[in-house]
Amino acid sequence: MLLPGYRYPSDTSDLEWALLKALLPTPACQPPKGGAPEKWP
């Protein structure tokens, strides 16, 4: 049974995303302090 406002069983709430955010690595394409973009070989 789905909670109200959820379309799929795999939907993640904002609270769940807040908990998961700390566990996810920083994407290589978005370094925290800027820098040159990655170059295509």
N, C-alpha and C. Protein backbone atom coordinates (compact mmCIF):
# COMPACT_ATOMS: atom_id res chain seq x y z
N MET A 1 0.85 -1.19 0.00
CA MET A 1 0.00 0.00 0.00
C MET A 1 0.89 1.25 0.00
N LEU A 2 0.55 2.19 -0.84
CA LEU A 2 1.33 3.42 -0.96
C LEU A 2 0.79 4.50 -0.04
N LEU A 3 1.69 5.32 0.46
CA LEU A 3 1.27 6.47 1.26
C LEU A 3 0.68 7.53 0.35
N PRO A 4 -0.17 8.41 0.87
CA PRO A 4 -0.72 9.49 0.05
C PRO A 4 0.40 10.36 -0.53
N GLY A 5 0.29 10.69 -1.79
CA GLY A 5 1.29 11.53 -2.45
C GLY A 5 2.42 10.74 -3.09
N TYR A 6 2.44 9.43 -2.90
CA TYR A 6 3.47 8.59 -3.49
C TYR A 6 2.88 7.88 -4.70
N ARG A 7 3.62 7.90 -5.79
CA ARG A 7 3.14 7.28 -7.02
C ARG A 7 3.67 5.86 -7.17
N TYR A 8 4.89 5.63 -6.69
CA TYR A 8 5.54 4.33 -6.84
C TYR A 8 6.05 3.85 -5.47
N PRO A 9 6.14 2.55 -5.26
CA PRO A 9 6.66 2.04 -3.99
C PRO A 9 8.11 2.48 -3.71
N SER A 10 8.86 2.79 -4.76
CA SER A 10 10.26 3.19 -4.60
C SER A 10 10.43 4.69 -4.38
N ASP A 11 9.34 5.47 -4.35
CA ASP A 11 9.45 6.91 -4.13
C ASP A 11 10.12 7.18 -2.78
N THR A 12 10.95 8.23 -2.75
CA THR A 12 11.70 8.59 -1.55
C THR A 12 11.21 9.95 -1.05
N SER A 13 10.95 10.04 0.24
CA SER A 13 10.47 11.29 0.82
C SER A 13 11.63 12.28 1.00
N ASP A 14 11.30 13.54 1.26
CA ASP A 14 12.33 14.55 1.51
C ASP A 14 13.15 14.20 2.75
N LEU A 15 12.50 13.65 3.77
CA LEU A 15 13.22 13.25 4.97
C LEU A 15 14.21 12.13 4.67
N GLU A 16 13.78 11.16 3.88
CA GLU A 16 14.68 10.07 3.50
C GLU A 16 15.86 10.58 2.68
N TRP A 17 15.62 11.53 1.75
CA TRP A 17 16.71 12.10 0.96
C TRP A 17 17.69 12.84 1.85
N ALA A 18 17.19 13.53 2.87
CA ALA A 18 18.08 14.26 3.79
C ALA A 18 19.02 13.29 4.50
N LEU A 19 18.53 12.11 4.85
CA LEU A 19 19.37 11.10 5.50
C LEU A 19 20.35 10.47 4.51
N LEU A 20 19.91 10.26 3.28
CA LEU A 20 20.75 9.62 2.27
C LEU A 20 21.84 10.55 1.74
N LYS A 21 21.59 11.85 1.73
CA LYS A 21 22.53 12.82 1.14
C LYS A 21 23.92 12.70 1.74
N ALA A 22 24.00 12.48 3.05
CA ALA A 22 25.30 12.37 3.72
C ALA A 22 26.06 11.11 3.29
N LEU A 23 25.36 10.12 2.78
CA LEU A 23 25.99 8.86 2.39
C LEU A 23 26.46 8.85 0.94
N LEU A 24 26.02 9.83 0.15
CA LEU A 24 26.36 9.86 -1.28
C LEU A 24 27.65 10.63 -1.51
N PRO A 25 28.53 10.14 -2.39
CA PRO A 25 29.77 10.87 -2.69
C PRO A 25 29.47 12.11 -3.54
N THR A 26 30.38 13.08 -3.49
CA THR A 26 30.26 14.26 -4.34
C THR A 26 30.52 13.84 -5.79
N PRO A 27 29.63 14.19 -6.72
CA PRO A 27 29.86 13.83 -8.11
C PRO A 27 31.15 14.46 -8.64
N ALA A 28 31.86 13.74 -9.47
CA ALA A 28 33.12 14.24 -10.04
C ALA A 28 32.88 15.47 -10.90
N CYS A 29 31.71 15.59 -11.50
CA CYS A 29 31.44 16.72 -12.37
C CYS A 29 31.01 17.96 -11.59
N GLN A 30 30.83 17.86 -10.28
CA GLN A 30 30.42 18.99 -9.47
C GLN A 30 31.31 19.09 -8.23
N PRO A 31 32.59 19.45 -8.40
CA PRO A 31 33.46 19.56 -7.23
C PRO A 31 32.97 20.68 -6.31
N PRO A 32 33.14 20.56 -5.00
CA PRO A 32 32.61 21.54 -4.07
C PRO A 32 33.23 22.93 -4.17
N LYS A 33 34.48 23.04 -4.67
CA LYS A 33 35.14 24.35 -4.72
C LYS A 33 35.40 24.83 -6.14
N GLY A 34 34.67 24.33 -7.10
CA GLY A 34 34.85 24.79 -8.47
C GLY A 34 36.02 24.12 -9.14
N GLY A 35 36.63 24.82 -10.07
CA GLY A 35 37.75 24.26 -10.81
C GLY A 35 37.39 24.13 -12.28
N ALA A 36 38.35 23.71 -13.05
CA ALA A 36 38.14 23.56 -14.49
C ALA A 36 37.26 22.34 -14.77
N PRO A 37 36.41 22.43 -15.78
CA PRO A 37 35.59 21.27 -16.12
C PRO A 37 36.45 20.13 -16.66
N GLU A 38 35.93 18.92 -16.54
CA GLU A 38 36.66 17.78 -17.07
C GLU A 38 36.76 17.90 -18.59
N LYS A 39 37.88 17.43 -19.14
CA LYS A 39 38.09 17.50 -20.58
C LYS A 39 37.76 16.16 -21.21
N TRP A 40 37.18 16.23 -22.38
CA TRP A 40 36.87 15.01 -23.13
C TRP A 40 38.13 14.60 -23.88
N PRO A 41 38.55 13.33 -23.76
CA PRO A 41 39.80 12.91 -24.42
C PRO A 41 39.75 13.02 -25.92
